[in-house]
N, C-alpha and C. Protein backbone atom coordinates (compact mmCIF):
# COMPACT_ATOMS: atom_id res chain seq x y z
N MET A 1 135.67 -46.77 -166.66
CA MET A 1 136.57 -47.68 -165.99
C MET A 1 136.63 -48.97 -166.80
N PRO A 2 137.84 -49.46 -167.12
CA PRO A 2 137.96 -50.69 -167.90
C PRO A 2 137.49 -51.91 -167.10
N THR A 3 137.04 -52.92 -167.82
CA THR A 3 136.58 -54.14 -167.16
C THR A 3 137.66 -55.20 -167.09
N LYS A 4 138.78 -55.00 -167.80
CA LYS A 4 139.90 -55.94 -167.70
C LYS A 4 141.22 -55.17 -167.75
N PRO A 5 142.29 -55.76 -167.24
CA PRO A 5 143.58 -55.06 -167.19
C PRO A 5 144.12 -54.71 -168.57
N SER A 6 144.90 -53.65 -168.62
CA SER A 6 145.54 -53.21 -169.85
C SER A 6 147.03 -53.00 -169.57
N LYS A 7 147.86 -53.26 -170.56
CA LYS A 7 149.30 -53.03 -170.40
C LYS A 7 149.68 -51.60 -170.79
N THR A 8 148.70 -50.81 -171.19
CA THR A 8 148.95 -49.44 -171.59
C THR A 8 149.15 -48.56 -170.36
N LEU A 9 150.24 -47.82 -170.34
CA LEU A 9 150.51 -46.89 -169.26
C LEU A 9 150.19 -45.49 -169.76
N GLU A 10 149.26 -44.83 -169.09
CA GLU A 10 148.86 -43.49 -169.50
C GLU A 10 149.90 -42.48 -169.03
N VAL A 11 150.38 -41.65 -169.92
CA VAL A 11 151.37 -40.63 -169.60
C VAL A 11 150.71 -39.27 -169.73
N VAL A 12 150.91 -38.44 -168.73
CA VAL A 12 150.36 -37.09 -168.77
C VAL A 12 151.51 -36.09 -168.73
N PRO A 13 151.38 -34.96 -169.42
CA PRO A 13 152.46 -33.98 -169.42
C PRO A 13 152.62 -33.33 -168.05
N ASN A 14 153.86 -33.03 -167.70
CA ASN A 14 154.17 -32.35 -166.45
C ASN A 14 154.16 -30.85 -166.72
N PRO A 15 153.23 -30.11 -166.10
CA PRO A 15 153.16 -28.68 -166.37
C PRO A 15 154.35 -27.89 -165.81
N HIS A 16 155.09 -28.48 -164.87
CA HIS A 16 156.25 -27.81 -164.26
C HIS A 16 157.41 -28.80 -164.18
N PRO A 17 158.09 -29.10 -165.29
CA PRO A 17 159.15 -30.11 -165.28
C PRO A 17 160.36 -29.73 -164.42
N ASP A 18 160.49 -28.46 -164.05
CA ASP A 18 161.62 -28.05 -163.22
C ASP A 18 161.34 -28.26 -161.72
N ARG A 19 160.16 -28.76 -161.39
CA ARG A 19 159.75 -28.94 -160.00
C ARG A 19 159.65 -30.43 -159.66
N ASP A 20 160.15 -30.83 -158.48
CA ASP A 20 160.02 -32.21 -158.02
C ASP A 20 158.67 -32.41 -157.33
N TYR A 21 158.06 -33.56 -157.59
CA TYR A 21 156.81 -33.93 -156.94
C TYR A 21 157.04 -35.19 -156.13
N GLU A 22 156.48 -35.23 -154.93
CA GLU A 22 156.55 -36.46 -154.13
C GLU A 22 155.21 -37.17 -154.26
N VAL A 23 155.25 -38.43 -154.62
CA VAL A 23 154.06 -39.26 -154.72
C VAL A 23 154.09 -40.22 -153.54
N SER A 24 152.97 -40.31 -152.82
CA SER A 24 152.94 -41.23 -151.68
C SER A 24 151.66 -42.06 -151.72
N MET A 25 151.79 -43.30 -151.24
CA MET A 25 150.66 -44.21 -151.19
C MET A 25 150.79 -45.05 -149.92
N THR A 26 149.67 -45.26 -149.23
CA THR A 26 149.65 -46.11 -148.05
C THR A 26 148.59 -47.17 -148.23
N ALA A 27 148.96 -48.43 -147.98
CA ALA A 27 148.02 -49.55 -147.99
C ALA A 27 147.97 -50.09 -146.56
N PRO A 28 146.95 -49.68 -145.77
CA PRO A 28 146.95 -50.02 -144.35
C PRO A 28 146.53 -51.46 -144.04
N GLU A 29 145.98 -52.18 -145.00
CA GLU A 29 145.51 -53.54 -144.72
C GLU A 29 146.14 -54.55 -145.66
N PHE A 30 147.46 -54.54 -145.76
CA PHE A 30 148.17 -55.48 -146.62
C PHE A 30 148.26 -56.83 -145.91
N THR A 31 147.88 -57.91 -146.60
CA THR A 31 147.99 -59.25 -146.02
C THR A 31 148.97 -60.08 -146.85
N CYS A 32 149.68 -60.96 -146.18
CA CYS A 32 150.68 -61.79 -146.84
C CYS A 32 150.90 -63.05 -146.01
N LEU A 33 151.77 -63.93 -146.48
CA LEU A 33 152.13 -65.12 -145.73
C LEU A 33 153.54 -64.96 -145.18
N CYS A 34 153.72 -65.32 -143.93
CA CYS A 34 155.04 -65.26 -143.30
C CYS A 34 155.95 -66.27 -143.99
N PRO A 35 157.13 -65.85 -144.46
CA PRO A 35 158.03 -66.78 -145.15
C PRO A 35 158.61 -67.86 -144.23
N MET A 36 158.60 -67.62 -142.92
CA MET A 36 159.15 -68.60 -141.98
C MET A 36 158.13 -69.67 -141.59
N THR A 37 156.89 -69.23 -141.29
CA THR A 37 155.89 -70.16 -140.76
C THR A 37 154.79 -70.52 -141.75
N GLY A 38 154.63 -69.69 -142.80
CA GLY A 38 153.53 -69.90 -143.74
C GLY A 38 152.19 -69.41 -143.21
N GLN A 39 152.19 -68.81 -142.02
CA GLN A 39 150.96 -68.30 -141.41
C GLN A 39 150.62 -66.93 -141.99
N PRO A 40 149.33 -66.56 -141.96
CA PRO A 40 148.93 -65.23 -142.43
C PRO A 40 149.63 -64.14 -141.61
N ASP A 41 149.97 -63.06 -142.28
CA ASP A 41 150.60 -61.92 -141.61
C ASP A 41 149.94 -60.66 -142.13
N PHE A 42 150.01 -59.60 -141.38
CA PHE A 42 149.38 -58.33 -141.74
C PHE A 42 150.40 -57.21 -141.61
N ALA A 43 150.27 -56.22 -142.48
CA ALA A 43 151.25 -55.13 -142.48
C ALA A 43 150.62 -53.88 -143.08
N THR A 44 151.31 -52.77 -142.88
CA THR A 44 151.00 -51.52 -143.56
C THR A 44 152.16 -51.21 -144.48
N ILE A 45 151.85 -50.94 -145.75
CA ILE A 45 152.90 -50.59 -146.72
C ILE A 45 152.80 -49.10 -147.01
N ARG A 46 153.92 -48.42 -146.92
CA ARG A 46 153.99 -46.99 -147.26
C ARG A 46 155.05 -46.82 -148.34
N ILE A 47 154.65 -46.20 -149.45
CA ILE A 47 155.57 -45.95 -150.56
C ILE A 47 155.62 -44.45 -150.80
N ARG A 48 156.83 -43.90 -150.83
CA ARG A 48 157.04 -42.48 -151.17
C ARG A 48 158.15 -42.42 -152.21
N TYR A 49 157.91 -41.69 -153.30
CA TYR A 49 158.96 -41.54 -154.31
C TYR A 49 158.78 -40.24 -155.05
N VAL A 50 159.87 -39.82 -155.69
CA VAL A 50 159.88 -38.63 -156.53
C VAL A 50 160.18 -39.10 -157.95
N PRO A 51 159.18 -39.06 -158.85
CA PRO A 51 159.42 -39.53 -160.21
C PRO A 51 160.35 -38.60 -160.98
N ASP A 52 161.04 -39.16 -161.96
CA ASP A 52 161.91 -38.38 -162.85
C ASP A 52 161.09 -37.70 -163.91
């Protein structure tokens, strides 16, 4: 595991390029600031996508 960030994006070959894959990620404890009040806010972020 690296100790500092890298701008290198690791690319892996797709063994089945004719097939679509759905990638999903959930972050259940996302914290942010409310743009209206500046108070702390909490949310769940769900991302689903099919890469090209």
